[in-house]
Protein backbone atom coordinates (compact mmCIF):
# COMPACT_ATOMS: atom_id res chain seq x y z
CA MET A 1 112.87 90.22 88.65
CA ILE A 2 112.43 86.56 89.99
CA ILE A 3 112.51 85.93 93.88
CA THR A 4 112.52 82.33 94.80
CA LEU A 5 112.21 80.84 98.44
CA THR A 6 113.62 77.66 99.39
CA GLU A 7 111.53 75.04 101.12
CA ALA A 8 112.91 76.10 104.58
CA ALA A 9 112.12 79.80 103.89
CA LEU A 10 108.63 79.04 102.59
CA ASN A 11 107.88 76.88 105.51
CA LYS A 12 109.08 79.40 108.11
CA LEU A 13 107.09 82.18 106.54
CA LYS A 14 103.96 80.18 106.46
CA GLU A 15 104.33 79.31 110.18
CA MET A 16 104.72 82.97 111.11
CA VAL A 17 101.69 85.36 111.58
CA LEU A 18 102.08 87.91 108.90
CA THR A 19 99.71 90.83 108.87
CA GLU A 20 99.62 94.15 106.64
CA GLU A 21 101.70 95.98 109.43
CA HIS A 22 104.10 93.01 109.80
CA SER A 23 104.99 91.75 106.26
CA PRO A 24 108.26 90.64 104.78
CA ARG A 25 110.43 93.14 103.05
CA ILE A 26 113.85 92.76 101.46
CA ASP A 27 116.09 95.51 102.75
CA ALA A 28 119.48 96.47 101.55
CA ASN A 29 122.19 97.64 103.91
CA VAL A 30 124.74 99.79 101.80
CA ALA A 31 127.98 100.78 103.70
CA GLY A 32 131.20 102.54 102.40
CA GLY A 33 132.08 105.64 100.49
CA CYS A 34 134.56 104.94 97.83
CA GLY A 35 134.17 101.16 97.57
CA VAL A 36 130.64 99.87 98.61
CA SER A 37 129.38 96.84 100.26
CA VAL A 38 125.77 95.56 100.18
CA ALA A 39 124.23 93.02 102.34
CA PHE A 40 120.59 91.98 102.14
CA LYS A 41 118.30 91.00 104.90
CA LEU A 42 114.57 90.14 105.35
CA ILE A 43 112.82 92.53 107.72
CA PHE A 44 109.17 92.71 108.80
CA ASP A 45 107.05 95.87 108.54
CA GLU A 46 104.34 97.67 106.76
CA PRO A 47 104.22 98.35 103.06
CA ARG A 48 105.59 101.58 101.71
CA VAL A 49 104.44 103.80 98.71
CA GLY A 50 106.14 102.76 95.57
CA ASP A 51 107.11 99.16 96.87
CA THR A 52 107.27 96.38 94.41
CA ILE A 53 105.15 93.51 95.76
CA ILE A 54 106.31 89.96 94.67
CA GLU A 55 103.74 87.38 95.59
CA TYR A 56 105.07 83.69 96.09
CA GLU A 57 102.58 81.04 97.11
CA ASP A 58 100.25 83.61 98.85
CA ILE A 59 103.10 85.28 100.59
CA LYS A 60 103.78 88.99 99.61
CA ILE A 61 107.21 90.15 99.77
CA ALA A 62 107.96 93.77 99.59
CA ILE A 63 110.85 95.53 97.91
CA ASP A 64 111.48 99.24 97.74
CA ARG A 65 113.19 100.96 94.85
CA PHE A 66 116.44 101.36 96.66
CA SER A 67 116.92 97.80 97.54
CA LYS A 68 115.61 96.60 94.19
CA ARG A 69 118.28 98.43 92.28
CA TYR A 70 120.97 96.22 94.13
CA LEU A 71 119.36 92.98 93.71
CA ASP A 72 120.35 90.31 91.04
CA GLU A 73 117.57 89.51 88.43
CA GLU A 74 117.05 86.41 90.24
CA THR A 75 117.37 86.38 94.02
CA GLN A 76 116.80 83.54 96.51
CA ILE A 77 115.56 83.70 100.05
CA ASP A 78 116.69 80.95 102.26
CA TYR A 79 116.26 80.18 106.13
CA ASN A 80 118.12 78.19 108.78
CA ASP A 81 117.91 78.34 112.67
CA GLU A 82 121.21 79.71 113.29
CA GLN A 83 121.29 82.72 110.72
CA GLY A 84 117.55 83.32 110.10
CA PHE A 85 116.69 84.37 106.65
CA LEU A 86 119.27 84.81 104.05
CA VAL A 87 118.61 87.07 101.01
CA GLY A 88 120.57 86.63 97.96
CA GLU A 89 124.26 87.51 97.35
CA SER A 90 125.72 90.25 99.47
CA PHE A 91 128.62 91.91 97.65
CA ALA A 92 131.31 94.44 97.97
CA SER A 93 132.89 96.69 95.19
CA SER A 94 136.26 98.46 95.39
CA ALA A 95 135.11 100.77 92.29
CA CYS A 96 135.11 104.41 93.07
CA SER A 97 132.96 106.60 91.00
CA ILE A 98 131.56 110.14 91.24
CA GLU A 99 128.28 111.25 89.82
CA ILE A 100 127.88 114.80 88.58
CA ASN A 101 124.67 116.22 87.69
């Protein structure tokens, strides 16, 4: 998995005060039942057990297992003043499947 930050995102993260309890995490917001939409966002909280930590120029970004499975192999984080941090590509699927264990 490759996470890249645009210059704007990197600069914004560097000017923020990041602590162990307030560090960046990629979060997936999954909605839907039969047909799924996934939107990614960057939130700030403490690390969780089982997180994958990706370090980019001394900035540690956490990803939990749930969010990680929805991310592309290469994901970019951008930033602009109007929308804040933008993470990867959000997507929607109209496929309907049922898993039977």
